[in-house]
Amino acid sequence: MIGAIDPPQIHHITERLLREIRGARARFVFIDLTVVASVDLSVTENLVQEAVDASRLLGARVILSGLSTALEQRLLEIGFDLGKKILQARDLQHGIELAERLSADPVDNSTGEDAAHSRRI
């Protein structure tokens, strides 16, 4: 995601994400917030919550990269369980590597729970 995220975009982004997950039968969703220019914490928090919940409903694991300290603290303050809902990676490349490892792990065919439960790479 590049640039500012405003409230009207959240719904559009989530709808498109759901279409793409269904169409591609995606097992993983990458949300990279590294270059989000204007971080309105409440807007970004809502986007992350909606995108994560929607993705999980369709069986896709969410890998979040570029999470700022401020947003991470805010999500924790409101009770968003980062460890159970998402996997975190320091950047997109590491997120891709994590998805590859999870896909190759025979113990974790669907959820990733044993292989990398809330592991930060």
PDB file of N, CA and C in Angstrom:
ATOM      1  N   MET A   1       0.851  -1.159   0.000  1.00  0.00           N
ATOM      2  CA  MET A   1       0.000   0.000   0.000  1.00  0.00           C
ATOM      3  C   MET A   1       0.896   1.221   0.000  1.00  0.00           C
ATOM      4  N   ILE A   2       0.595   2.123  -0.888  1.00  0.00           N
ATOM      5  CA  ILE A   2       1.427   3.310  -1.026  1.00  0.00           C
ATOM      6  C   ILE A   2       0.567   4.538  -0.798  1.00  0.00           C
ATOM      7  N   GLY A   3       1.088   5.487  -0.021  1.00  0.00           N
ATOM      8  CA  GLY A   3       0.403   6.749   0.196  1.00  0.00           C
ATOM      9  C   GLY A   3      -0.529   6.708   1.389  1.00  0.00           C
ATOM     10  N   ALA A   4      -1.367   7.740   1.461  1.00  0.00           N
ATOM     11  CA  ALA A   4      -2.295   7.859   2.581  1.00  0.00           C
ATOM     12  C   ALA A   4      -3.484   6.930   2.377  1.00  0.00           C
ATOM     13  N   ILE A   5      -3.960   6.372   3.455  1.00  0.00           N
ATOM     14  CA  ILE A   5      -5.150   5.537   3.423  1.00  0.00           C
ATOM     15  C   ILE A   5      -6.235   6.310   4.141  1.00  0.00           C
ATOM     16  N   ASP A   6      -7.325   6.584   3.429  1.00  0.00           N
ATOM     17  CA  ASP A   6      -8.405   7.313   4.076  1.00  0.00           C
ATOM     18  C   ASP A   6      -9.599   6.375   4.268  1.00  0.00           C
ATOM     19  N   PRO A   7     -10.528   6.750   5.142  1.00  0.00           N
ATOM     20  CA  PRO A   7     -11.638   5.854   5.487  1.00  0.00           C
ATOM     21  C   PRO A   7     -12.423   5.290   4.294  1.00  0.00           C
ATOM     22  N   PRO A   8     -12.736   6.077   3.268  1.00  0.00           N
ATOM     23  CA  PRO A   8     -13.494   5.498   2.156  1.00  0.00           C
ATOM     24  C   PRO A   8     -12.744   4.384   1.401  1.00  0.00           C
ATOM     25  N   GLN A   9     -11.426   4.388   1.489  1.00  0.00           N
ATOM     26  CA  GLN A   9     -10.656   3.372   0.781  1.00  0.00           C
ATOM     27  C   GLN A   9     -10.674   2.014   1.477  1.00  0.00           C
ATOM     28  N   ILE A  10     -10.926   1.989   2.765  1.00  0.00           N
ATOM     29  CA  ILE A  10     -10.876   0.739   3.515  1.00  0.00           C
ATOM     30  C   ILE A  10     -11.841  -0.292   2.948  1.00  0.00           C
ATOM     31  N   HIS A  11     -13.073   0.103   2.736  1.00  0.00           N
ATOM     32  CA  HIS A  11     -14.078  -0.820   2.214  1.00  0.00           C
ATOM     33  C   HIS A  11     -13.681  -1.328   0.828  1.00  0.00           C
ATOM     34  N   HIS A  12     -13.234  -0.425  -0.024  1.00  0.00           N
ATOM     35  CA  HIS A  12     -12.822  -0.798  -1.377  1.00  0.00           C
ATOM     36  C   HIS A  12     -11.636  -1.766  -1.347  1.00  0.00           C
ATOM     37  N   ILE A  13     -10.665  -1.487  -0.520  1.00  0.00           N
ATOM     38  CA  ILE A  13      -9.480  -2.345  -0.417  1.00  0.00           C
ATOM     39  C   ILE A  13      -9.875  -3.735   0.075  1.00  0.00           C
ATOM     40  N   THR A  14     -10.737  -3.792   1.080  1.00  0.00           N
ATOM     41  CA  THR A  14     -11.160  -5.075   1.631  1.00  0.00           C
ATOM     42  C   THR A  14     -11.949  -5.880   0.606  1.00  0.00           C
ATOM     43  N   GLU A  15     -12.850  -5.249  -0.121  1.00  0.00           N
ATOM     44  CA  GLU A  15     -13.623  -5.948  -1.159  1.00  0.00           C
ATOM     45  C   GLU A  15     -12.710  -6.503  -2.247  1.00  0.00           C
ATOM     46  N   ARG A  16     -11.772  -5.695  -2.675  1.00  0.00           N
ATOM     47  CA  ARG A  16     -10.845  -6.162  -3.718  1.00  0.00           C
ATOM     48  C   ARG A  16      -9.985  -7.320  -3.197  1.00  0.00           C
ATOM     49  N   LEU A  17      -9.549  -7.207  -1.972  1.00  0.00           N
ATOM     50  CA  LEU A  17      -8.756  -8.264  -1.363  1.00  0.00           C
ATOM     51  C   LEU A  17      -9.530  -9.582  -1.363  1.00  0.00           C
ATOM     52  N   LEU A  18     -10.794  -9.544  -0.980  1.00  0.00           N
ATOM     53  CA  LEU A  18     -11.611 -10.754  -0.957  1.00  0.00           C
ATOM     54  C   LEU A  18     -11.769 -11.356  -2.350  1.00  0.00           C
ATOM     55  N   ARG A  19     -12.012 -10.509  -3.347  1.00  0.00           N
ATOM     56  CA  ARG A  19     -12.117 -11.006  -4.733  1.00  0.00           C
ATOM     57  C   ARG A  19     -10.836 -11.685  -5.174  1.00  0.00           C
ATOM     58  N   GLU A  20      -9.704 -11.074  -4.839  1.00  0.00           N
ATOM     59  CA  GLU A  20      -8.409 -11.630  -5.250  1.00  0.00           C
ATOM     60  C   GLU A  20      -8.106 -12.948  -4.526  1.00  0.00           C
ATOM     61  N   ILE A  21      -8.444 -13.021  -3.255  1.00  0.00           N
ATOM     62  CA  ILE A  21      -8.219 -14.265  -2.504  1.00  0.00           C
ATOM     63  C   ILE A  21      -9.037 -15.397  -3.118  1.00  0.00           C
ATOM     64  N   ARG A  22     -10.319 -15.110  -3.382  1.00  0.00           N
ATOM     65  CA  ARG A  22     -11.178 -16.129  -3.993  1.00  0.00           C
ATOM     66  C   ARG A  22     -10.665 -16.532  -5.364  1.00  0.00           C
ATOM     67  N   GLY A  23     -10.370 -15.549  -6.199  1.00  0.00           N
ATOM     68  CA  GLY A  23      -9.950 -15.825  -7.568  1.00  0.00           C
ATOM     69  C   GLY A  23      -8.654 -16.609  -7.656  1.00  0.00           C
ATOM     70  N   ALA A  24      -7.719 -16.303  -6.788  1.00  0.00           N
ATOM     71  CA  ALA A  24      -6.407 -16.951  -6.829  1.00  0.00           C
ATOM     72  C   ALA A  24      -6.314 -18.144  -5.875  1.00  0.00           C
ATOM     73  N   ARG A  25      -7.378 -18.332  -5.073  1.00  0.00           N
ATOM     74  CA  ARG A  25      -7.335 -19.363  -4.037  1.00  0.00           C
ATOM     75  C   ARG A  25      -6.080 -19.196  -3.175  1.00  0.00           C
ATOM     76  N   ALA A  26      -5.854 -17.965  -2.807  1.00  0.00           N
ATOM     77  CA  ALA A  26      -4.636 -17.596  -2.083  1.00  0.00           C
ATOM     78  C   ALA A  26      -4.598 -18.234  -0.700  1.00  0.00           C
ATOM     79  N   ARG A  27      -3.434 -18.723  -0.335  1.00  0.00           N
ATOM     80  CA  ARG A  27      -3.212 -19.252   1.004  1.00  0.00           C
ATOM     81  C   ARG A  27      -2.607 -18.192   1.912  1.00  0.00           C
ATOM     82  N   PHE A  28      -1.962 -17.186   1.296  1.00  0.00           N
ATOM     83  CA  PHE A  28      -1.312 -16.122   2.048  1.00  0.00           C
ATOM     84  C   PHE A  28      -1.693 -14.777   1.462  1.00  0.00           C
ATOM     85  N   VAL A  29      -1.803 -13.801   2.346  1.00  0.00           N
ATOM     86  CA  VAL A  29      -2.038 -12.413   1.957  1.00  0.00           C
ATOM     87  C   VAL A  29      -0.925 -11.597   2.582  1.00  0.00           C
ATOM     88  N   PHE A  30      -0.287 -10.786   1.774  1.00  0.00           N
ATOM     89  CA  PHE A  30       0.779  -9.915   2.253  1.00  0.00           C
ATOM     90  C   PHE A  30       0.244  -8.495   2.348  1.00  0.00           C
ATOM     91  N   ILE A  31       0.388  -7.908   3.512  1.00  0.00           N
ATOM     92  CA  ILE A  31       0.041  -6.500   3.692  1.00  0.00           C
ATOM     93  C   ILE A  31       1.328  -5.811   4.109  1.00  0.00           C
ATOM     94  N   ASP A  32       1.829  -4.978   3.207  1.00  0.00           N
ATOM     95  CA  ASP A  32       3.084  -4.278   3.462  1.00  0.00           C
ATOM     96  C   ASP A  32       2.783  -2.812   3.705  1.00  0.00           C
ATOM     97  N   LEU A  33       3.035  -2.370   4.911  1.00  0.00           N
ATOM     98  CA  LEU A  33       2.752  -0.984   5.300  1.00  0.00           C
ATOM     99  C   LEU A  33       4.012  -0.133   5.347  1.00  0.00           C
ATOM    100  N   THR A  34       5.093  -0.630   4.769  1.00  0.00           N
ATOM    101  CA  THR A  34       6.375   0.056   4.833  1.00  0.00           C
ATOM    102  C   THR A  34       6.304   1.482   4.296  1.00  0.00           C
ATOM    103  N   VAL A  35       5.641   1.679   3.176  1.00  0.00           N
ATOM    104  CA  VAL A  35       5.650   2.999   2.538  1.00  0.00           C
ATOM    105  C   VAL A  35       4.331   3.755   2.695  1.00  0.00           C
ATOM    106  N   VAL A  36       3.542   3.393   3.693  1.00  0.00           N
ATOM    107  CA  VAL A  36       2.333   4.164   3.947  1.00  0.00           C
ATOM    108  C   VAL A  36       2.778   5.526   4.453  1.00  0.00           C
ATOM    109  N   ALA A  37       2.509   6.535   3.661  1.00  0.00           N
ATOM    110  CA  ALA A  37       3.051   7.868   3.920  1.00  0.00           C
ATOM    111  C   ALA A  37       2.404   8.546   5.124  1.00  0.00           C
ATOM    112  N   SER A  38       1.117   8.684   5.086  1.00  0.00           N
ATOM    113  CA  SER A  38       0.418   9.409   6.129  1.00  0.00           C
ATOM    114  C   SER A  38      -0.340   8.398   6.980  1.00  0.00           C
ATOM    115  N   VAL A  39       0.257   8.011   8.067  1.00  0.00           N
ATOM    116  CA  VAL A  39      -0.350   6.970   8.880  1.00  0.00           C
ATOM    117  C   VAL A  39      -1.312   7.588   9.883  1.00  0.00           C
ATOM    118  N   ASP A  40      -2.581   7.497   9.553  1.00  0.00           N
ATOM    119  CA  ASP A  40      -3.632   7.815  10.503  1.00  0.00           C
ATOM    120  C   ASP A  40      -3.865   6.496  11.230  1.00  0.00           C
ATOM    121  N   LEU A  41      -3.433   6.422  12.463  1.00  0.00           N
ATOM    122  CA  LEU A  41      -3.467   5.155  13.177  1.00  0.00           C
ATOM    123  C   LEU A  41      -4.851   4.525  13.214  1.00  0.00           C
ATOM    124  N   SER A  42      -5.884   5.322  13.425  1.00  0.00           N
ATOM    125  CA  SER A  42      -7.220   4.722  13.514  1.00  0.00           C
ATOM    126  C   SER A  42      -7.652   4.150  12.173  1.00  0.00           C
ATOM    127  N   VAL A  43      -7.331   4.819  11.073  1.00  0.00           N
ATOM    128  CA  VAL A  43      -7.692   4.326   9.746  1.00  0.00           C
ATOM    129  C   VAL A  43      -6.905   3.065   9.423  1.00  0.00           C
ATOM    130  N   THR A  44      -5.600   3.098   9.645  1.00  0.00           N
ATOM    131  CA  THR A  44      -4.766   1.939   9.349  1.00  0.00           C
ATOM    132  C   THR A  44      -5.150   0.768  10.246  1.00  0.00           C
ATOM    133  N   GLU A  45      -5.451   1.051  11.495  1.00  0.00           N
ATOM    134  CA  GLU A  45      -5.899   0.015  12.427  1.00  0.00           C
ATOM    135  C   GLU A  45      -7.163  -0.662  11.897  1.00  0.00           C
ATOM    136  N   ASN A  46      -8.126   0.127  11.428  1.00  0.00           N
ATOM    137  CA  ASN A  46      -9.362  -0.433  10.874  1.00  0.00           C
ATOM    138  C   ASN A  46      -9.091  -1.258   9.625  1.00  0.00           C
ATOM    139  N   LEU A  47      -8.206  -0.778   8.782  1.00  0.00           N
ATOM    140  CA  LEU A  47      -7.863  -1.520   7.567  1.00  0.00           C
ATOM    141  C   LEU A  47      -7.241  -2.861   7.920  1.00  0.00           C
ATOM    142  N   VAL A  48      -6.280  -2.845   8.821  1.00  0.00           N
ATOM    143  CA  VAL A  48      -5.608  -4.088   9.207  1.00  0.00           C
ATOM    144  C   VAL A  48      -6.625  -5.060   9.804  1.00  0.00           C
ATOM    145  N   GLN A  49      -7.480  -4.586  10.690  1.00  0.00           N
ATOM    146  CA  GLN A  49      -8.475  -5.471  11.311  1.00  0.00           C
ATOM    147  C   GLN A  49      -9.414  -6.065  10.265  1.00  0.00           C
ATOM    148  N   GLU A  50      -9.950  -5.235   9.379  1.00  0.00           N
ATOM    149  CA  GLU A  50     -10.882  -5.726   8.360  1.00  0.00           C
ATOM    150  C   GLU A  50     -10.203  -6.683   7.397  1.00  0.00           C
ATOM    151  N   ALA A  51      -9.024  -6.324   6.940  1.00  0.00           N
ATOM    152  CA  ALA A  51      -8.317  -7.166   5.976  1.00  0.00           C
ATOM    153  C   ALA A  51      -7.943  -8.512   6.590  1.00  0.00           C
ATOM    154  N   VAL A  52      -7.478  -8.491   7.821  1.00  0.00           N
ATOM    155  CA  VAL A  52      -7.093  -9.732   8.498  1.00  0.00           C
ATOM    156  C   VAL A  52      -8.315 -10.612   8.717  1.00  0.00           C
ATOM    157  N   ASP A  53      -9.382 -10.046   9.243  1.00  0.00           N
ATOM    158  CA  ASP A  53     -10.578 -10.844   9.510  1.00  0.00           C
ATOM    159  C   ASP A  53     -11.170 -11.407   8.220  1.00  0.00           C
ATOM    160  N   ALA A  54     -11.231 -10.594   7.172  1.00  0.00           N
ATOM    161  CA  ALA A  54     -11.767 -11.048   5.884  1.00  0.00           C
ATOM    162  C   ALA A  54     -10.904 -12.150   5.293  1.00  0.00           C
ATOM    163  N   SER A  55      -9.609 -11.989   5.346  1.00  0.00           N
ATOM    164  CA  SER A  55      -8.689 -12.992   4.796  1.00  0.00           C
ATOM    165  C   SER A  55      -8.818 -14.315   5.528  1.00  0.00           C
ATOM    166  N   ARG A  56      -8.890 -14.250   6.821  1.00  0.00           N
ATOM    167  CA  ARG A  56      -8.990 -15.474   7.624  1.00  0.00           C
ATOM    168  C   ARG A  56     -10.296 -16.205   7.354  1.00  0.00           C
ATOM    169  N   LEU A  57     -11.376 -15.469   7.094  1.00  0.00           N
ATOM    170  CA  LEU A  57     -12.647 -16.116   6.772  1.00  0.00           C
ATOM    171  C   LEU A  57     -12.535 -16.976   5.518  1.00  0.00           C
ATOM    172  N   LEU A  58     -11.667 -16.571   4.603  1.00  0.00           N
ATOM    173  CA  LEU A  58     -11.477 -17.323   3.366  1.00  0.00           C
ATOM    174  C   LEU A  58     -10.317 -18.304   3.460  1.00  0.00           C
ATOM    175  N   GLY A  59      -9.744 -18.452   4.639  1.00  0.00           N
ATOM    176  CA  GLY A  59      -8.693 -19.431   4.848  1.00  0.00           C
ATOM    177  C   GLY A  59      -7.292 -18.978   4.497  1.00  0.00           C
ATOM    178  N   ALA A  60      -7.100 -17.706   4.256  1.00  0.00           N
ATOM    179  CA  ALA A  60      -5.763 -17.196   3.920  1.00  0.00           C
ATOM    180  C   ALA A  60      -5.073 -16.682   5.182  1.00  0.00           C
ATOM    181  N   ARG A  61      -3.799 -16.959   5.291  1.00  0.00           N
ATOM    182  CA  ARG A  61      -2.976 -16.434   6.389  1.00  0.00           C
ATOM    183  C   ARG A  61      -2.483 -15.053   5.991  1.00  0.00           C
ATOM    184  N   VAL A  62      -2.420 -14.152   6.941  1.00  0.00           N
ATOM    185  CA  VAL A  62      -1.969 -12.792   6.678  1.00  0.00           C
ATOM    186  C   VAL A  62      -0.551 -12.616   7.201  1.00  0.00           C
ATOM    187  N   ILE A  63       0.309 -12.102   6.325  1.00  0.00           N
ATOM    188  CA  ILE A  63       1.675 -11.750   6.711  1.00  0.00           C
ATOM    189  C   ILE A  63       1.782 -10.242   6.583  1.00  0.00           C
ATOM    190  N   LEU A  64       2.041  -9.599   7.691  1.00  0.00           N
ATOM    191  CA  LEU A  64       2.098  -8.143   7.756  1.00  0.00           C
ATOM    192  C   LEU A  64       3.549  -7.704   7.871  1.00  0.00           C
ATOM    193  N   SER A  65       3.953  -6.818   6.977  1.00  0.00           N
ATOM    194  CA  SER A  65       5.317  -6.290   7.040  1.00  0.00           C
ATOM    195  C   SER A  65       5.263  -4.764   7.079  1.00  0.00           C
ATOM    196  N   GLY A  66       6.347  -4.198   7.564  1.00  0.00           N
ATOM    197  CA  GLY A  66       6.430  -2.748   7.637  1.00  0.00           C
ATOM    198  C   GLY A  66       5.556  -2.139   8.705  1.00  0.00           C
ATOM    199  N   LEU A  67       5.245  -2.901   9.723  1.00  0.00           N
ATOM    200  CA  LEU A  67       4.385  -2.423  10.805  1.00  0.00           C
ATOM    201  C   LEU A  67       5.176  -1.475  11.690  1.00  0.00           C
ATOM    202  N   SER A  68       4.714  -0.245  11.776  1.00  0.00           N
ATOM    203  CA  SER A  68       5.415   0.730  12.614  1.00  0.00           C
ATOM    204  C   SER A  68       5.203   0.402  14.085  1.00  0.00           C
ATOM    205  N   THR A  69       6.114   0.869  14.900  1.00  0.00           N
ATOM    206  CA  THR A  69       6.003   0.662  16.343  1.00  0.00           C
ATOM    207  C   THR A  69       4.717   1.287  16.883  1.00  0.00           C
ATOM    208  N   ALA A  70       4.386   2.479  16.377  1.00  0.00           N
ATOM    209  CA  ALA A  70       3.177   3.168  16.848  1.00  0.00           C
ATOM    210  C   ALA A  70       1.920   2.363  16.526  1.00  0.00           C
ATOM    211  N   LEU A  71       1.844   1.818  15.294  1.00  0.00           N
ATOM    212  CA  LEU A  71       0.668   1.040  14.922  1.00  0.00           C
ATOM    213  C   LEU A  71       0.627  -0.279  15.696  1.00  0.00           C
ATOM    214  N   GLU A  72       1.757  -0.909  15.861  1.00  0.00           N
ATOM    215  CA  GLU A  72       1.810  -2.156  16.627  1.00  0.00           C
ATOM    216  C   GLU A  72       1.320  -1.917  18.054  1.00  0.00           C
ATOM    217  N   GLN A  73       1.774  -0.835  18.679  1.00  0.00           N
ATOM    218  CA  GLN A  73       1.332  -0.509  20.033  1.00  0.00           C
ATOM    219  C   GLN A  73      -0.164  -0.236  20.072  1.00  0.00           C
ATOM    220  N   ARG A  74      -0.666   0.493  19.072  1.00  0.00           N
ATOM    221  CA  ARG A  74      -2.094   0.819  19.021  1.00  0.00           C
ATOM    222  C   ARG A  74      -2.940  -0.447  18.885  1.00  0.00           C
ATOM    223  N   LEU A  75      -2.519  -1.351  18.017  1.00  0.00           N
ATOM    224  CA  LEU A  75      -3.259  -2.600  17.836  1.00  0.00           C
ATOM    225  C   LEU A  75      -3.276  -3.414  19.130  1.00  0.00           C
ATOM    226  N   LEU A  76      -2.168  -3.436  19.821  1.00  0.00           N
ATOM    227  CA  LEU A  76      -2.110  -4.155  21.091  1.00  0.00           C
ATOM    228  C   LEU A  76      -2.996  -3.493  22.140  1.00  0.00           C
ATOM    229  N   GLU A  77      -3.019  -2.150  22.152  1.00  0.00           N
ATOM    230  CA  GLU A  77      -3.848  -1.408  23.105  1.00  0.00           C
ATOM    231  C   GLU A  77      -5.325  -1.728  22.946  1.00  0.00           C
ATOM    232  N   ILE A  78      -5.775  -1.912  21.716  1.00  0.00           N
ATOM    233  CA  ILE A  78      -7.205  -2.169  21.494  1.00  0.00           C
ATOM    234  C   ILE A  78      -7.539  -3.652  21.570  1.00  0.00           C
ATOM    235  N   GLY A  79      -6.536  -4.469  21.904  1.00  0.00           N
ATOM    236  CA  GLY A  79      -6.793  -5.890  22.093  1.00  0.00           C
ATOM    237  C   GLY A  79      -6.690  -6.741  20.846  1.00  0.00           C
ATOM    238  N   PHE A  80      -6.122  -6.208  19.784  1.00  0.00           N
ATOM    239  CA  PHE A  80      -5.942  -6.979  18.554  1.00  0.00           C
ATOM    240  C   PHE A  80      -4.793  -7.948  18.792  1.00  0.00           C
ATOM    241  N   ASP A  81      -5.080  -9.236  18.739  1.00  0.00           N
ATOM    242  CA  ASP A  81      -4.088 -10.256  19.061  1.00  0.00           C
ATOM    243  C   ASP A  81      -3.197 -10.524  17.855  1.00  0.00           C
ATOM    244  N   LEU A  82      -2.063  -9.835  17.804  1.00  0.00           N
ATOM    245  CA  LEU A  82      -1.145  -9.976  16.678  1.00  0.00           C
ATOM    246  C   LEU A  82      -0.637 -11.402  16.540  1.00  0.00           C
ATOM    247  N   GLY A  83      -0.386 -12.064  17.646  1.00  0.00           N
ATOM    248  CA  GLY A  83       0.186 -13.404  17.608  1.00  0.00           C
ATOM    249  C   GLY A  83      -0.737 -14.464  17.045  1.00  0.00           C
ATOM    250  N   LYS A  84      -2.032 -14.320  17.223  1.00  0.00           N
ATOM    251  CA  LYS A  84      -2.961 -15.339  16.751  1.00  0.00           C
ATOM    252  C   LYS A  84      -3.553 -15.010  15.397  1.00  0.00           C
ATOM    253  N   LYS A  85      -3.599 -13.753  15.028  1.00  0.00           N
ATOM    254  CA  LYS A  85      -4.278 -13.385  13.793  1.00  0.00           C
ATOM    255  C   LYS A  85      -3.341 -13.214  12.606  1.00  0.00           C
ATOM    256  N   ILE A  86      -2.115 -12.825  12.864  1.00  0.00           N
ATOM    257  CA  ILE A  86      -1.210 -12.555  11.748  1.00  0.00           C
ATOM    258  C   ILE A  86       0.189 -13.073  12.034  1.00  0.00           C
ATOM    259  N   LEU A  87       0.944 -13.163  10.976  1.00  0.00           N
ATOM    260  CA  LEU A  87       2.375 -13.392  11.074  1.00  0.00           C
ATOM    261  C   LEU A  87       3.028 -12.071  10.719  1.00  0.00           C
ATOM    262  N   GLN A  88       4.140 -11.767  11.337  1.00  0.00           N
ATOM    263  CA  GLN A  88       4.816 -10.511  11.067  1.00  0.00           C
ATOM    264  C   GLN A  88       6.183 -10.772  10.461  1.00  0.00           C
ATOM    265  N   ALA A  89       6.545  -9.906   9.543  1.00  0.00           N
ATOM    266  CA  ALA A  89       7.871  -9.961   8.924  1.00  0.00           C
ATOM    267  C   ALA A  89       8.412  -8.541   8.873  1.00  0.00           C
ATOM    268  N   ARG A  90       9.728  -8.410   8.957  1.00  0.00           N
ATOM    269  CA  ARG A  90      10.287  -7.056   8.988  1.00  0.00           C
ATOM    270  C   ARG A  90      10.161  -6.347   7.655  1.00  0.00           C
ATOM    271  N   ASP A  91      10.116  -7.116   6.549  1.00  0.00           N
ATOM    272  CA  ASP A  91       9.905  -6.518   5.233  1.00  0.00           C
ATOM    273  C   ASP A  91       9.256  -7.544   4.326  1.00  0.00           C
ATOM    274  N   LEU A  92       8.865  -7.114   3.133  1.00  0.00           N
ATOM    275  CA  LEU A  92       8.133  -7.975   2.219  1.00  0.00           C
ATOM    276  C   LEU A  92       8.945  -9.207   1.820  1.00  0.00           C
ATOM    277  N   GLN A  93      10.228  -9.041   1.567  1.00  0.00           N
ATOM    278  CA  GLN A  93      11.068 -10.175   1.184  1.00  0.00           C
ATOM    279  C   GLN A  93      11.052 -11.264   2.252  1.00  0.00           C
ATOM    280  N   HIS A  94      11.176 -10.864   3.496  1.00  0.00           N
ATOM    281  CA  HIS A  94      11.144 -11.843   4.578  1.00  0.00           C
ATOM    282  C   HIS A  94       9.753 -12.464   4.729  1.00  0.00           C
ATOM    283  N   GLY A  95       8.727 -11.702   4.416  1.00  0.00           N
ATOM    284  CA  GLY A  95       7.369 -12.246   4.431  1.00  0.00           C
ATOM    285  C   GLY A  95       7.190 -13.334   3.381  1.00  0.00           C
ATOM    286  N   ILE A  96       7.742 -13.108   2.210  1.00  0.00           N
ATOM    287  CA  ILE A  96       7.674 -14.111   1.144  1.00  0.00           C
ATOM    288  C   ILE A  96       8.430 -15.369   1.556  1.00  0.00           C
ATOM    289  N   GLU A  97       9.594 -15.184   2.146  1.00  0.00           N
ATOM    290  CA  GLU A  97      10.369 -16.331   2.613  1.00  0.00           C
ATOM    291  C   GLU A  97       9.605 -17.113   3.679  1.00  0.00           C
ATOM    292  N   LEU A  98       8.919 -16.411   4.556  1.00  0.00           N
ATOM    293  CA  LEU A  98       8.120 -17.066   5.586  1.00  0.00           C
ATOM    294  C   LEU A  98       7.000 -17.889   4.950  1.00  0.00           C
ATOM    295  N   ALA A  99       6.309 -17.313   3.977  1.00  0.00           N
ATOM    296  CA  ALA A  99       5.229 -18.036   3.287  1.00  0.00           C
ATOM    297  C   ALA A  99       5.770 -19.280   2.586  1.00  0.00           C
ATOM    298  N   GLU A 100       6.941 -19.167   1.995  1.00  0.00           N
ATOM    299  CA  GLU A 100       7.543 -20.331   1.334  1.00  0.00           C
ATOM    300  C   GLU A 100       7.856 -21.424   2.335  1.00  0.00           C
ATOM    301  N   ARG A 101       8.397 -21.049   3.482  1.00  0.00           N
ATOM    302  CA  ARG A 101       8.695 -22.044   4.515  1.00  0.00           C
ATOM    303  C   ARG A 101       7.424 -22.708   5.024  1.00  0.00           C
ATOM    304  N   LEU A 102       6.387 -21.915   5.265  1.00  0.00           N
ATOM    305  CA  LEU A 102       5.127 -22.467   5.750  1.00  0.00           C
ATOM    306  C   LEU A 102       4.492 -23.392   4.717  1.00  0.00           C
ATOM    307  N   SER A 103       4.607 -23.047   3.450  1.00  0.00           N
ATOM    308  CA  SER A 103       4.038 -23.873   2.390  1.00  0.00           C
ATOM    309  C   SER A 103       4.764 -25.209   2.271  1.00  0.00           C
ATOM    310  N   ALA A 104       6.046 -25.204   2.579  1.00  0.00           N
ATOM    311  CA  ALA A 104       6.858 -26.417   2.453  1.00  0.00           C
ATOM    312  C   ALA A 104       6.819 -27.282   3.703  1.00  0.00           C
ATOM    313  N   ASP A 105       6.334 -26.752   4.810  1.00  0.00           N
ATOM    314  CA  ASP A 105       6.342 -27.475   6.078  1.00  0.00           C
ATOM    315  C   ASP A 105       5.204 -28.488   6.115  1.00  0.00           C
ATOM    316  N   PRO A 106       5.508 -29.795   6.180  1.00  0.00           N
ATOM    317  CA  PRO A 106       4.457 -30.804   6.179  1.00  0.00           C
ATOM    318  C   PRO A 106       3.589 -30.789   7.438  1.00  0.00           C
ATOM    319  N   VAL A 107       4.106 -30.265   8.538  1.00  0.00           N
ATOM    320  CA  VAL A 107       3.327 -30.199   9.774  1.00  0.00           C
ATOM    321  C   VAL A 107       2.237 -29.150   9.653  1.00  0.00           C
ATOM    322  N   ASP A 108       2.514 -28.124   8.879  1.00  0.00           N
ATOM    323  CA  ASP A 108       1.602 -26.992   8.778  1.00  0.00           C
ATOM    324  C   ASP A 108       1.041 -26.884   7.380  1.00  0.00           C
ATOM    325  N   ASN A 109       0.124 -27.741   7.058  1.00  0.00           N
ATOM    326  CA  ASN A 109      -0.463 -27.713   5.730  1.00  0.00           C
ATOM    327  C   ASN A 109      -1.493 -26.619   5.556  1.00  0.00           C
ATOM    328  N   SER A 110      -2.126 -26.180   6.624  1.00  0.00           N
ATOM    329  CA  SER A 110      -3.201 -25.219   6.444  1.00  0.00           C
ATOM    330  C   SER A 110      -3.111 -23.985   7.312  1.00  0.00           C
ATOM    331  N   THR A 111      -2.614 -24.103   8.521  1.00  0.00           N
ATOM    332  CA  THR A 111      -2.715 -22.957   9.407  1.00  0.00           C
ATOM    333  C   THR A 111      -1.409 -22.297   9.764  1.00  0.00           C
ATOM    334  N   GLY A 112      -0.311 -23.020   9.724  1.00  0.00           N
ATOM    335  CA  GLY A 112       0.954 -22.422  10.107  1.00  0.00           C
ATOM    336  C   GLY A 112       1.163 -22.352  11.601  1.00  0.00           C
ATOM    337  N   GLU A 113       0.235 -22.871  12.365  1.00  0.00           N
ATOM    338  CA  GLU A 113       0.315 -22.727  13.812  1.00  0.00           C
ATOM    339  C   GLU A 113       1.587 -23.331  14.391  1.00  0.00           C
ATOM    340  N   ASP A 114       1.923 -24.570  14.030  1.00  0.00           N
ATOM    341  CA  ASP A 114       3.098 -25.196  14.619  1.00  0.00           C
ATOM    342  C   ASP A 114       4.388 -24.662  14.021  1.00  0.00           C
ATOM    343  N   ALA A 115       4.368 -24.362  12.732  1.00  0.00           N
ATOM    344  CA  ALA A 115       5.593 -23.986  12.049  1.00  0.00           C
ATOM    345  C   ALA A 115       6.077 -22.595  12.417  1.00  0.00           C
ATOM    346  N   ALA A 116       5.179 -21.651  12.531  1.00  0.00           N
ATOM    347  CA  ALA A 116       5.638 -20.282  12.772  1.00  0.00           C
ATOM    348  C   ALA A 116       4.587 -19.462  13.488  1.00  0.00           C
ATOM    349  N   HIS A 117       4.030 -19.997  14.531  1.00  0.00           N
ATOM    350  CA  HIS A 117       2.985 -19.283  15.253  1.00  0.00           C
ATOM    351  C   HIS A 117       3.537 -17.948  15.768  1.00  0.00           C
ATOM    352  N   SER A 118       3.023 -16.892  15.192  1.00  0.00           N
ATOM    353  CA  SER A 118       3.376 -15.518  15.547  1.00  0.00           C
ATOM    354  C   SER A 118       4.882 -15.273  15.549  1.00  0.00           C
ATOM    355  N   ARG A 119       5.583 -15.924  14.673  1.00  0.00           N
ATOM    356  CA  ARG A 119       7.023 -15.746  14.595  1.00  0.00           C
ATOM    357  C   ARG A 119       7.349 -14.474  13.820  1.00  0.00           C
ATOM    358  N   ARG A 120       8.248 -13.723  14.324  1.00  0.00           N
ATOM    359  CA  ARG A 120       8.706 -12.529  13.629  1.00  0.00           C
ATOM    360  C   ARG A 120      10.069 -12.845  13.071  1.00  0.00           C
ATOM    361  N   ILE A 121      10.229 -12.570  11.759  1.00  0.00           N
ATOM    362  CA  ILE A 121      11.533 -12.844  11.158  1.00  0.00           C
ATOM    363  C   ILE A 121      12.221 -11.567  10.779  1.00  0.00           C
TER     364      ILE A 121
END
